[in-house]
Each structure stands twice: as C-alpha cells, then as structure tokens.
Amino acid sequence: MGVVTSQERGRIRWVKLTERGEELASLLERLKGMAEVMDAYVELEEMYSKEVKNKLREEVDKEKVAKKLEELRRRVNALAGREDEVGKRAKKFLERVEEVEREAKGIVVGEG
C-alpha cells in the first residue's frame, strides 16, 4: 500500500494521500515541530551561557537578551497551542524562556 493515489480526470491528474500517507504526513509534522523546539532550546541555552549565566546584573546586556528571547518566543509560540507532545515541549520551552528573562532582569538570583 502506497502513500498516495492518483486518478486522471480529463487533462488533470488528481493526487491524494492514502490513509497511510496521512499517518506519515502527521508523523513528519510532529517530527518537524519537535526539531523546531529542540533547535530553539539549543539557541536559548547557548545564549544563556554566553549572555546571562554567572554574570552580574550590570554585566548582562538586557536589550540584546530581550531581543533574542522575543525571537525565540515568536518561533515556538504557535507550537505551544498544539495538544500533542510537541505542544507540551513548546510550553515547557516557553517556561524556560521566562526563567531566563527573569534572571537577565535580575529578578532571580543564582544559576539556571
């Protein structure tokens, strides 16, 4: 059983996903979402290590950090609305963004 079926209707060939194709497309969509969240996590932790971790409040470039956090938030926000594992991980990621933001602003003291 393949992932697509096709049917000619006049001069047009219609291509449609089979049930198996729909399942595969769904799996690929989840995989893509997970990869997006993981990429954002890597960027967040790299930025945190370079710009926030173990620095005095005065040494943190708050504007630069806020800009990067907003970019990461924007990338992952839509995924947080999902009701699957991708959504759960995206929500957890957004919580981590909030932690880093509070620490960068000096609201939380200590290591992340």
PDB file of N, CA and C in Angstrom:
ATOM      1  N   MET A   1       0.847  -1.184   0.000  1.00  0.00           N
ATOM      2  CA  MET A   1       0.000   0.000   0.000  1.00  0.00           C
ATOM      3  C   MET A   1       0.887   1.239   0.000  1.00  0.00           C
ATOM      4  N   GLY A   2       0.653   2.136  -0.931  1.00  0.00           N
ATOM      5  CA  GLY A   2       1.468   3.333  -1.062  1.00  0.00           C
ATOM      6  C   GLY A   2       0.983   4.479  -0.197  1.00  0.00           C
ATOM      7  N   VAL A   3       1.634   5.594  -0.343  1.00  0.00           N
ATOM      8  CA  VAL A   3       1.263   6.772   0.441  1.00  0.00           C
ATOM      9  C   VAL A   3       0.381   7.731  -0.344  1.00  0.00           C
ATOM     10  N   VAL A   4       0.329   7.569  -1.668  1.00  0.00           N
ATOM     11  CA  VAL A   4      -0.541   8.413  -2.489  1.00  0.00           C
ATOM     12  C   VAL A   4      -1.294   7.559  -3.508  1.00  0.00           C
ATOM     13  N   THR A   5      -2.420   8.091  -3.922  1.00  0.00           N
ATOM     14  CA  THR A   5      -3.158   7.514  -5.041  1.00  0.00           C
ATOM     15  C   THR A   5      -3.336   8.629  -6.056  1.00  0.00           C
ATOM     16  N   SER A   6      -3.482   8.252  -7.292  1.00  0.00           N
ATOM     17  CA  SER A   6      -3.715   9.276  -8.307  1.00  0.00           C
ATOM     18  C   SER A   6      -4.820   8.803  -9.237  1.00  0.00           C
ATOM     19  N   GLN A   7      -5.488   9.773  -9.811  1.00  0.00           N
ATOM     20  CA  GLN A   7      -6.601   9.468 -10.692  1.00  0.00           C
ATOM     21  C   GLN A   7      -6.675  10.561 -11.752  1.00  0.00           C
ATOM     22  N   GLU A   8      -6.821  10.142 -12.990  1.00  0.00           N
ATOM     23  CA  GLU A   8      -6.940  11.122 -14.069  1.00  0.00           C
ATOM     24  C   GLU A   8      -8.393  11.516 -14.231  1.00  0.00           C
ATOM     25  N   ARG A   9      -8.600  12.821 -14.329  1.00  0.00           N
ATOM     26  CA  ARG A   9      -9.926  13.367 -14.620  1.00  0.00           C
ATOM     27  C   ARG A   9      -9.749  14.358 -15.755  1.00  0.00           C
ATOM     28  N   GLY A  10     -10.004  13.913 -16.917  1.00  0.00           N
ATOM     29  CA  GLY A  10      -9.773  14.760 -18.085  1.00  0.00           C
ATOM     30  C   GLY A  10      -8.287  14.963 -18.268  1.00  0.00           C
ATOM     31  N   ARG A  11      -7.892  16.234 -18.341  1.00  0.00           N
ATOM     32  CA  ARG A  11      -6.471  16.559 -18.520  1.00  0.00           C
ATOM     33  C   ARG A  11      -5.729  16.716 -17.195  1.00  0.00           C
ATOM     34  N   ILE A  12      -6.445  16.525 -16.106  1.00  0.00           N
ATOM     35  CA  ILE A  12      -5.858  16.741 -14.775  1.00  0.00           C
ATOM     36  C   ILE A  12      -5.673  15.402 -14.070  1.00  0.00           C
ATOM     37  N   ARG A  13      -4.529  15.250 -13.435  1.00  0.00           N
ATOM     38  CA  ARG A  13      -4.275  14.062 -12.614  1.00  0.00           C
ATOM     39  C   ARG A  13      -4.377  14.500 -11.149  1.00  0.00           C
ATOM     40  N   TRP A  14      -5.324  13.931 -10.431  1.00  0.00           N
ATOM     41  CA  TRP A  14      -5.534  14.227  -9.022  1.00  0.00           C
ATOM     42  C   TRP A  14      -4.679  13.280  -8.188  1.00  0.00           C
ATOM     43  N   VAL A  15      -3.950  13.832  -7.241  1.00  0.00           N
ATOM     44  CA  VAL A  15      -3.116  13.033  -6.344  1.00  0.00           C
ATOM     45  C   VAL A  15      -3.645  13.250  -4.932  1.00  0.00           C
ATOM     46  N   LYS A  16      -3.832  12.155  -4.225  1.00  0.00           N
ATOM     47  CA  LYS A  16      -4.398  12.219  -2.878  1.00  0.00           C
ATOM     48  C   LYS A  16      -3.597  11.294  -1.964  1.00  0.00           C
ATOM     49  N   LEU A  17      -3.431  11.719  -0.701  1.00  0.00           N
ATOM     50  CA  LEU A  17      -2.766  10.863   0.279  1.00  0.00           C
ATOM     51  C   LEU A  17      -3.682   9.710   0.669  1.00  0.00           C
ATOM     52  N   THR A  18      -3.102   8.546   0.805  1.00  0.00           N
ATOM     53  CA  THR A  18      -3.846   7.399   1.329  1.00  0.00           C
ATOM     54  C   THR A  18      -3.893   7.533   2.846  1.00  0.00           C
ATOM     55  N   GLU A  19      -4.571   6.615   3.505  1.00  0.00           N
ATOM     56  CA  GLU A  19      -4.608   6.624   4.969  1.00  0.00           C
ATOM     57  C   GLU A  19      -3.185   6.525   5.524  1.00  0.00           C
ATOM     58  N   ARG A  20      -2.410   5.669   4.917  1.00  0.00           N
ATOM     59  CA  ARG A  20      -1.005   5.516   5.319  1.00  0.00           C
ATOM     60  C   ARG A  20      -0.234   6.820   5.067  1.00  0.00           C
ATOM     61  N   GLY A  21      -0.521   7.462   3.955  1.00  0.00           N
ATOM     62  CA  GLY A  21       0.111   8.742   3.637  1.00  0.00           C
ATOM     63  C   GLY A  21      -0.252   9.819   4.644  1.00  0.00           C
ATOM     64  N   GLU A  22      -1.520   9.830   5.077  1.00  0.00           N
ATOM     65  CA  GLU A  22      -1.970  10.792   6.098  1.00  0.00           C
ATOM     66  C   GLU A  22      -1.216  10.560   7.409  1.00  0.00           C
ATOM     67  N   GLU A  23      -1.064   9.286   7.788  1.00  0.00           N
ATOM     68  CA  GLU A  23      -0.331   8.958   9.016  1.00  0.00           C
ATOM     69  C   GLU A  23       1.120   9.411   8.913  1.00  0.00           C
ATOM     70  N   LEU A  24       1.726   9.157   7.775  1.00  0.00           N
ATOM     71  CA  LEU A  24       3.111   9.561   7.557  1.00  0.00           C
ATOM     72  C   LEU A  24       3.252  11.080   7.606  1.00  0.00           C
ATOM     73  N   ALA A  25       2.322  11.785   6.982  1.00  0.00           N
ATOM     74  CA  ALA A  25       2.353  13.250   6.996  1.00  0.00           C
ATOM     75  C   ALA A  25       2.221  13.777   8.420  1.00  0.00           C
ATOM     76  N   SER A  26       1.359  13.148   9.206  1.00  0.00           N
ATOM     77  CA  SER A  26       1.178  13.544  10.599  1.00  0.00           C
ATOM     78  C   SER A  26       2.458  13.316  11.405  1.00  0.00           C
ATOM     79  N   LEU A  27       3.087  12.167  11.201  1.00  0.00           N
ATOM     80  CA  LEU A  27       4.354  11.876  11.883  1.00  0.00           C
ATOM     81  C   LEU A  27       5.438  12.883  11.508  1.00  0.00           C
ATOM     82  N   LEU A  28       5.513  13.202  10.234  1.00  0.00           N
ATOM     83  CA  LEU A  28       6.517  14.168   9.774  1.00  0.00           C
ATOM     84  C   LEU A  28       6.257  15.549  10.364  1.00  0.00           C
ATOM     85  N   GLU A  29       4.997  15.927  10.484  1.00  0.00           N
ATOM     86  CA  GLU A  29       4.646  17.221  11.073  1.00  0.00           C
ATOM     87  C   GLU A  29       5.063  17.275  12.541  1.00  0.00           C
ATOM     88  N   ARG A  30       4.827  16.184  13.284  1.00  0.00           N
ATOM     89  CA  ARG A  30       5.257  16.136  14.689  1.00  0.00           C
ATOM     90  C   ARG A  30       6.775  16.189  14.797  1.00  0.00           C
ATOM     91  N   LEU A  31       7.454  15.449  13.933  1.00  0.00           N
ATOM     92  CA  LEU A  31       8.916  15.447  13.930  1.00  0.00           C
ATOM     93  C   LEU A  31       9.460  16.846  13.645  1.00  0.00           C
ATOM     94  N   LYS A  32       8.867  17.514  12.681  1.00  0.00           N
ATOM     95  CA  LYS A  32       9.279  18.882  12.348  1.00  0.00           C
ATOM     96  C   LYS A  32       9.079  19.812  13.550  1.00  0.00           C
ATOM     97  N   GLY A  33       7.945  19.685  14.229  1.00  0.00           N
ATOM     98  CA  GLY A  33       7.674  20.504  15.409  1.00  0.00           C
ATOM     99  C   GLY A  33       8.684  20.251  16.513  1.00  0.00           C
ATOM    100  N   MET A  34       8.998  18.970  16.750  1.00  0.00           N
ATOM    101  CA  MET A  34       9.992  18.624  17.776  1.00  0.00           C
ATOM    102  C   MET A  34      11.352  19.216  17.432  1.00  0.00           C
ATOM    103  N   ALA A  35      11.723  19.129  16.164  1.00  0.00           N
ATOM    104  CA  ALA A  35      13.013  19.678  15.734  1.00  0.00           C
ATOM    105  C   ALA A  35      13.047  21.189  15.938  1.00  0.00           C
ATOM    106  N   GLU A  36      11.944  21.871  15.656  1.00  0.00           N
ATOM    107  CA  GLU A  36      11.888  23.319  15.849  1.00  0.00           C
ATOM    108  C   GLU A  36      12.059  23.683  17.320  1.00  0.00           C
ATOM    109  N   VAL A  37      11.383  22.947  18.200  1.00  0.00           N
ATOM    110  CA  VAL A  37      11.501  23.215  19.637  1.00  0.00           C
ATOM    111  C   VAL A  37      12.921  22.926  20.112  1.00  0.00           C
ATOM    112  N   MET A  38      13.500  21.819  19.674  1.00  0.00           N
ATOM    113  CA  MET A  38      14.858  21.469  20.101  1.00  0.00           C
ATOM    114  C   MET A  38      15.884  22.484  19.603  1.00  0.00           C
ATOM    115  N   ASP A  39      15.738  22.947  18.370  1.00  0.00           N
ATOM    116  CA  ASP A  39      16.639  23.983  17.850  1.00  0.00           C
ATOM    117  C   ASP A  39      16.546  25.247  18.695  1.00  0.00           C
ATOM    118  N   ALA A  40      15.326  25.616  19.060  1.00  0.00           N
ATOM    119  CA  ALA A  40      15.133  26.808  19.883  1.00  0.00           C
ATOM    120  C   ALA A  40      15.762  26.611  21.262  1.00  0.00           C
ATOM    121  N   TYR A  41      15.625  25.410  21.841  1.00  0.00           N
ATOM    122  CA  TYR A  41      16.254  25.107  23.131  1.00  0.00           C
ATOM    123  C   TYR A  41      17.770  25.276  23.048  1.00  0.00           C
ATOM    124  N   VAL A  42      18.368  24.758  22.000  1.00  0.00           N
ATOM    125  CA  VAL A  42      19.822  24.861  21.834  1.00  0.00           C
ATOM    126  C   VAL A  42      20.230  26.333  21.766  1.00  0.00           C
ATOM    127  N   GLU A  43      19.524  27.120  20.969  1.00  0.00           N
ATOM    128  CA  GLU A  43      19.842  28.550  20.859  1.00  0.00           C
ATOM    129  C   GLU A  43      19.665  29.258  22.193  1.00  0.00           C
ATOM    130  N   LEU A  44      18.598  28.921  22.910  1.00  0.00           N
ATOM    131  CA  LEU A  44      18.337  29.543  24.207  1.00  0.00           C
ATOM    132  C   LEU A  44      19.466  29.245  25.187  1.00  0.00           C
ATOM    133  N   GLU A  45      19.862  27.996  25.278  1.00  0.00           N
ATOM    134  CA  GLU A  45      20.903  27.625  26.236  1.00  0.00           C
ATOM    135  C   GLU A  45      22.267  28.198  25.852  1.00  0.00           C
ATOM    136  N   GLU A  46      22.548  28.287  24.556  1.00  0.00           N
ATOM    137  CA  GLU A  46      23.802  28.917  24.121  1.00  0.00           C
ATOM    138  C   GLU A  46      23.806  30.394  24.493  1.00  0.00           C
ATOM    139  N   MET A  47      22.699  31.079  24.224  1.00  0.00           N
ATOM    140  CA  MET A  47      22.597  32.497  24.558  1.00  0.00           C
ATOM    141  C   MET A  47      22.678  32.685  26.071  1.00  0.00           C
ATOM    142  N   TYR A  48      22.004  31.829  26.826  1.00  0.00           N
ATOM    143  CA  TYR A  48      22.028  31.907  28.281  1.00  0.00           C
ATOM    144  C   TYR A  48      23.461  31.767  28.799  1.00  0.00           C
ATOM    145  N   SER A  49      24.191  30.783  28.298  1.00  0.00           N
ATOM    146  CA  SER A  49      25.571  30.561  28.744  1.00  0.00           C
ATOM    147  C   SER A  49      26.474  31.750  28.439  1.00  0.00           C
ATOM    148  N   LYS A  50      26.294  32.348  27.272  1.00  0.00           N
ATOM    149  CA  LYS A  50      27.148  33.461  26.859  1.00  0.00           C
ATOM    150  C   LYS A  50      26.755  34.788  27.496  1.00  0.00           C
ATOM    151  N   GLU A  51      25.458  35.031  27.622  1.00  0.00           N
ATOM    152  CA  GLU A  51      24.984  36.369  27.974  1.00  0.00           C
ATOM    153  C   GLU A  51      24.479  36.540  29.406  1.00  0.00           C
ATOM    154  N   VAL A  52      24.084  35.461  30.084  1.00  0.00           N
ATOM    155  CA  VAL A  52      23.416  35.615  31.380  1.00  0.00           C
ATOM    156  C   VAL A  52      24.106  34.847  32.504  1.00  0.00           C
ATOM    157  N   LYS A  53      24.393  33.591  32.279  1.00  0.00           N
ATOM    158  CA  LYS A  53      24.882  32.702  33.334  1.00  0.00           C
ATOM    159  C   LYS A  53      26.161  33.235  33.979  1.00  0.00           C
ATOM    160  N   ASN A  54      26.158  33.236  35.308  1.00  0.00           N
ATOM    161  CA  ASN A  54      27.307  33.638  36.124  1.00  0.00           C
ATOM    162  C   ASN A  54      27.765  35.075  35.874  1.00  0.00           C
ATOM    163  N   LYS A  55      26.875  35.929  35.407  1.00  0.00           N
ATOM    164  CA  LYS A  55      27.226  37.337  35.209  1.00  0.00           C
ATOM    165  C   LYS A  55      26.499  38.187  36.236  1.00  0.00           C
ATOM    166  N   LEU A  56      27.136  39.280  36.602  1.00  0.00           N
ATOM    167  CA  LEU A  56      26.477  40.243  37.473  1.00  0.00           C
ATOM    168  C   LEU A  56      25.365  40.928  36.692  1.00  0.00           C
ATOM    169  N   ARG A  57      24.359  41.384  37.403  1.00  0.00           N
ATOM    170  CA  ARG A  57      23.214  42.034  36.767  1.00  0.00           C
ATOM    171  C   ARG A  57      23.643  43.163  35.835  1.00  0.00           C
ATOM    172  N   GLU A  58      24.652  43.922  36.256  1.00  0.00           N
ATOM    173  CA  GLU A  58      25.118  45.066  35.461  1.00  0.00           C
ATOM    174  C   GLU A  58      25.843  44.632  34.187  1.00  0.00           C
ATOM    175  N   GLU A  59      26.374  43.427  34.174  1.00  0.00           N
ATOM    176  CA  GLU A  59      27.124  42.933  33.014  1.00  0.00           C
ATOM    177  C   GLU A  59      26.225  42.375  31.913  1.00  0.00           C
ATOM    178  N   VAL A  60      24.978  42.092  32.239  1.00  0.00           N
ATOM    179  CA  VAL A  60      24.055  41.486  31.271  1.00  0.00           C
ATOM    180  C   VAL A  60      23.540  42.561  30.316  1.00  0.00           C
ATOM    181  N   ASP A  61      23.669  42.301  29.025  1.00  0.00           N
ATOM    182  CA  ASP A  61      23.109  43.195  28.001  1.00  0.00           C
ATOM    183  C   ASP A  61      21.623  42.861  27.878  1.00  0.00           C
ATOM    184  N   LYS A  62      20.821  43.519  28.725  1.00  0.00           N
ATOM    185  CA  LYS A  62      19.398  43.190  28.829  1.00  0.00           C
ATOM    186  C   LYS A  62      18.653  43.373  27.515  1.00  0.00           C
ATOM    187  N   GLU A  63      19.017  44.389  26.765  1.00  0.00           N
ATOM    188  CA  GLU A  63      18.345  44.649  25.486  1.00  0.00           C
ATOM    189  C   GLU A  63      18.613  43.518  24.487  1.00  0.00           C
ATOM    190  N   LYS A  64      19.859  43.101  24.402  1.00  0.00           N
ATOM    191  CA  LYS A  64      20.234  42.013  23.490  1.00  0.00           C
ATOM    192  C   LYS A  64      19.537  40.712  23.881  1.00  0.00           C
ATOM    193  N   VAL A  65      19.527  40.426  25.184  1.00  0.00           N
ATOM    194  CA  VAL A  65      18.889  39.207  25.680  1.00  0.00           C
ATOM    195  C   VAL A  65      17.387  39.250  25.408  1.00  0.00           C
ATOM    196  N   ALA A  66      16.755  40.383  25.696  1.00  0.00           N
ATOM    197  CA  ALA A  66      15.307  40.511  25.480  1.00  0.00           C
ATOM    198  C   ALA A  66      14.949  40.317  24.013  1.00  0.00           C
ATOM    199  N   LYS A  67      15.763  40.858  23.133  1.00  0.00           N
ATOM    200  CA  LYS A  67      15.516  40.728  21.692  1.00  0.00           C
ATOM    201  C   LYS A  67      15.597  39.258  21.260  1.00  0.00           C
ATOM    202  N   LYS A  68      16.611  38.553  21.734  1.00  0.00           N
ATOM    203  CA  LYS A  68      16.780  37.140  21.380  1.00  0.00           C
ATOM    204  C   LYS A  68      15.649  36.293  21.964  1.00  0.00           C
ATOM    205  N   LEU A  69      15.266  36.588  23.208  1.00  0.00           N
ATOM    206  CA  LEU A  69      14.184  35.833  23.832  1.00  0.00           C
ATOM    207  C   LEU A  69      12.870  36.039  23.083  1.00  0.00           C
ATOM    208  N   GLU A  70      12.615  37.257  22.643  1.00  0.00           N
ATOM    209  CA  GLU A  70      11.387  37.532  21.895  1.00  0.00           C
ATOM    210  C   GLU A  70      11.382  36.780  20.562  1.00  0.00           C
ATOM    211  N   GLU A  71      12.532  36.734  19.912  1.00  0.00           N
ATOM    212  CA  GLU A  71      12.647  35.985  18.649  1.00  0.00           C
ATOM    213  C   GLU A  71      12.353  34.501  18.877  1.00  0.00           C
ATOM    214  N   LEU A  72      12.935  33.935  19.928  1.00  0.00           N
ATOM    215  CA  LEU A  72      12.714  32.521  20.237  1.00  0.00           C
ATOM    216  C   LEU A  72      11.259  32.261  20.621  1.00  0.00           C
ATOM    217  N   ARG A  73      10.693  33.165  21.403  1.00  0.00           N
ATOM    218  CA  ARG A  73       9.295  33.052  21.810  1.00  0.00           C
ATOM    219  C   ARG A  73       8.374  33.021  20.587  1.00  0.00           C
ATOM    220  N   ARG A  74       8.633  33.921  19.659  1.00  0.00           N
ATOM    221  CA  ARG A  74       7.821  34.013  18.439  1.00  0.00           C
ATOM    222  C   ARG A  74       7.889  32.711  17.632  1.00  0.00           C
ATOM    223  N   ARG A  75       9.085  32.145  17.540  1.00  0.00           N
ATOM    224  CA  ARG A  75       9.274  30.909  16.764  1.00  0.00           C
ATOM    225  C   ARG A  75       8.494  29.729  17.339  1.00  0.00           C
ATOM    226  N   VAL A  76       8.378  29.670  18.664  1.00  0.00           N
ATOM    227  CA  VAL A  76       7.813  28.486  19.314  1.00  0.00           C
ATOM    228  C   VAL A  76       6.358  28.692  19.760  1.00  0.00           C
ATOM    229  N   ASN A  77       5.921  29.928  19.850  1.00  0.00           N
ATOM    230  CA  ASN A  77       4.591  30.237  20.379  1.00  0.00           C
ATOM    231  C   ASN A  77       3.467  29.463  19.701  1.00  0.00           C
ATOM    232  N   ALA A  78       3.461  29.395  18.393  1.00  0.00           N
ATOM    233  CA  ALA A  78       2.383  28.698  17.677  1.00  0.00           C
ATOM    234  C   ALA A  78       2.354  27.210  18.021  1.00  0.00           C
ATOM    235  N   LEU A  79       3.512  26.636  18.270  1.00  0.00           N
ATOM    236  CA  LEU A  79       3.582  25.208  18.599  1.00  0.00           C
ATOM    237  C   LEU A  79       2.997  24.914  19.979  1.00  0.00           C
ATOM    238  N   ALA A  80       3.028  25.900  20.875  1.00  0.00           N
ATOM    239  CA  ALA A  80       2.533  25.697  22.237  1.00  0.00           C
ATOM    240  C   ALA A  80       1.027  25.466  22.270  1.00  0.00           C
ATOM    241  N   GLY A  81       0.321  25.853  21.231  1.00  0.00           N
ATOM    242  CA  GLY A  81      -1.122  25.657  21.178  1.00  0.00           C
ATOM    243  C   GLY A  81      -1.536  24.245  20.793  1.00  0.00           C
ATOM    244  N   ARG A  82      -0.573  23.449  20.399  1.00  0.00           N
ATOM    245  CA  ARG A  82      -0.887  22.072  19.995  1.00  0.00           C
ATOM    246  C   ARG A  82      -1.186  21.209  21.216  1.00  0.00           C
ATOM    247  N   GLU A  83      -1.972  20.163  21.008  1.00  0.00           N
ATOM    248  CA  GLU A  83      -2.383  19.275  22.102  1.00  0.00           C
ATOM    249  C   GLU A  83      -1.578  17.977  22.148  1.00  0.00           C
ATOM    250  N   ASP A  84      -0.426  17.950  21.505  1.00  0.00           N
ATOM    251  CA  ASP A  84       0.379  16.729  21.481  1.00  0.00           C
ATOM    252  C   ASP A  84       1.688  16.955  22.235  1.00  0.00           C
ATOM    253  N   GLU A  85       2.605  16.024  22.088  1.00  0.00           N
ATOM    254  CA  GLU A  85       3.902  16.119  22.771  1.00  0.00           C
ATOM    255  C   GLU A  85       4.665  17.371  22.352  1.00  0.00           C
ATOM    256  N   VAL A  86       4.521  17.775  21.107  1.00  0.00           N
ATOM    257  CA  VAL A  86       5.178  18.998  20.630  1.00  0.00           C
ATOM    258  C   VAL A  86       4.671  20.194  21.430  1.00  0.00           C
ATOM    259  N   GLY A  87       3.367  20.267  21.631  1.00  0.00           N
ATOM    260  CA  GLY A  87       2.780  21.361  22.404  1.00  0.00           C
ATOM    261  C   GLY A  87       3.286  21.384  23.836  1.00  0.00           C
ATOM    262  N   LYS A  88       3.384  20.205  24.449  1.00  0.00           N
ATOM    263  CA  LYS A  88       3.890  20.114  25.827  1.00  0.00           C
ATOM    264  C   LYS A  88       5.324  20.625  25.911  1.00  0.00           C
ATOM    265  N   ARG A  89       6.142  20.194  24.978  1.00  0.00           N
ATOM    266  CA  ARG A  89       7.548  20.617  24.989  1.00  0.00           C
ATOM    267  C   ARG A  89       7.682  22.106  24.677  1.00  0.00           C
ATOM    268  N   ALA A  90       6.833  22.606  23.808  1.00  0.00           N
ATOM    269  CA  ALA A  90       6.862  24.031  23.481  1.00  0.00           C
ATOM    270  C   ALA A  90       6.483  24.860  24.710  1.00  0.00           C
ATOM    271  N   LYS A  91       5.482  24.417  25.460  1.00  0.00           N
ATOM    272  CA  LYS A  91       5.080  25.127  26.682  1.00  0.00           C
ATOM    273  C   LYS A  91       6.208  25.114  27.708  1.00  0.00           C
ATOM    274  N   LYS A  92       6.864  23.973  27.842  1.00  0.00           N
ATOM    275  CA  LYS A  92       7.989  23.865  28.775  1.00  0.00           C
ATOM    276  C   LYS A  92       9.122  24.798  28.340  1.00  0.00           C
ATOM    277  N   PHE A  93       9.359  24.869  27.036  1.00  0.00           N
ATOM    278  CA  PHE A  93      10.373  25.775  26.499  1.00  0.00           C
ATOM    279  C   PHE A  93      10.030  27.221  26.855  1.00  0.00           C
ATOM    280  N   LEU A  94       8.771  27.610  26.678  1.00  0.00           N
ATOM    281  CA  LEU A  94       8.360  28.985  26.979  1.00  0.00           C
ATOM    282  C   LEU A  94       8.519  29.302  28.466  1.00  0.00           C
ATOM    283  N   GLU A  95       8.320  28.296  29.326  1.00  0.00           N
ATOM    284  CA  GLU A  95       8.572  28.485  30.758  1.00  0.00           C
ATOM    285  C   GLU A  95      10.056  28.768  30.995  1.00  0.00           C
ATOM    286  N   ARG A  96      10.908  28.043  30.291  1.00  0.00           N
ATOM    287  CA  ARG A  96      12.361  28.252  30.420  1.00  0.00           C
ATOM    288  C   ARG A  96      12.741  29.646  29.933  1.00  0.00           C
ATOM    289  N   VAL A  97      12.108  30.109  28.863  1.00  0.00           N
ATOM    290  CA  VAL A  97      12.358  31.467  28.363  1.00  0.00           C
ATOM    291  C   VAL A  97      12.023  32.479  29.459  1.00  0.00           C
ATOM    292  N   GLU A  98      10.905  32.277  30.153  1.00  0.00           N
ATOM    293  CA  GLU A  98      10.509  33.174  31.244  1.00  0.00           C
ATOM    294  C   GLU A  98      11.548  33.166  32.368  1.00  0.00           C
ATOM    295  N   GLU A  99      12.060  31.993  32.708  1.00  0.00           N
ATOM    296  CA  GLU A  99      13.095  31.893  33.749  1.00  0.00           C
ATOM    297  C   GLU A  99      14.333  32.691  33.360  1.00  0.00           C
ATOM    298  N   VAL A 100      14.783  32.498  32.128  1.00  0.00           N
ATOM    299  CA  VAL A 100      15.976  33.205  31.651  1.00  0.00           C
ATOM    300  C   VAL A 100      15.712  34.706  31.645  1.00  0.00           C
ATOM    301  N   GLU A 101      14.528  35.105  31.226  1.00  0.00           N
ATOM    302  CA  GLU A 101      14.191  36.526  31.188  1.00  0.00           C
ATOM    303  C   GLU A 101      14.220  37.137  32.589  1.00  0.00           C
ATOM    304  N   ARG A 102      13.638  36.432  33.563  1.00  0.00           N
ATOM    305  CA  ARG A 102      13.658  36.938  34.941  1.00  0.00           C
ATOM    306  C   ARG A 102      15.089  37.043  35.461  1.00  0.00           C
ATOM    307  N   GLU A 103      15.895  36.040  35.171  1.00  0.00           N
ATOM    308  CA  GLU A 103      17.283  36.080  35.632  1.00  0.00           C
ATOM    309  C   GLU A 103      18.048  37.218  34.968  1.00  0.00           C
ATOM    310  N   ALA A 104      17.821  37.428  33.685  1.00  0.00           N
ATOM    311  CA  ALA A 104      18.507  38.504  32.964  1.00  0.00           C
ATOM    312  C   ALA A 104      18.122  39.870  33.524  1.00  0.00           C
ATOM    313  N   LYS A 105      16.885  39.987  33.971  1.00  0.00           N
ATOM    314  CA  LYS A 105      16.416  41.253  34.543  1.00  0.00           C
ATOM    315  C   LYS A 105      16.837  41.401  36.001  1.00  0.00           C
ATOM    316  N   GLY A 106      17.393  40.335  36.556  1.00  0.00           N
ATOM    317  CA  GLY A 106      17.856  40.397  37.938  1.00  0.00           C
ATOM    318  C   GLY A 106      16.790  40.030  38.941  1.00  0.00           C
ATOM    319  N   ILE A 107      15.674  39.482  38.486  1.00  0.00           N
ATOM    320  CA  ILE A 107      14.587  39.116  39.386  1.00  0.00           C
ATOM    321  C   ILE A 107      14.917  37.821  40.120  1.00  0.00           C
ATOM    322  N   VAL A 108      15.625  36.919  39.459  1.00  0.00           N
ATOM    323  CA  VAL A 108      16.014  35.645  40.056  1.00  0.00           C
ATOM    324  C   VAL A 108      17.526  35.646  40.207  1.00  0.00           C
ATOM    325  N   VAL A 109      17.996  35.242  41.367  1.00  0.00           N
ATOM    326  CA  VAL A 109      19.432  35.186  41.600  1.00  0.00           C
ATOM    327  C   VAL A 109      19.857  33.728  41.597  1.00  0.00           C
ATOM    328  N   GLY A 110      21.008  33.438  41.018  1.00  0.00           N
ATOM    329  CA  GLY A 110      21.534  32.077  41.024  1.00  0.00           C
ATOM    330  C   GLY A 110      21.706  31.542  39.627  1.00  0.00           C
ATOM    331  N   GLU A 111      22.145  30.301  39.569  1.00  0.00           N
ATOM    332  CA  GLU A 111      22.380  29.647  38.281  1.00  0.00           C
ATOM    333  C   GLU A 111      21.106  28.970  37.816  1.00  0.00           C
ATOM    334  N   GLY A 112      20.929  28.895  36.465  1.00  0.00           N
ATOM    335  CA  GLY A 112      19.751  28.245  35.878  1.00  0.00           C
ATOM    336  C   GLY A 112      20.034  26.834  35.740  1.00  0.00           C
TER     337      GLY A 112
END
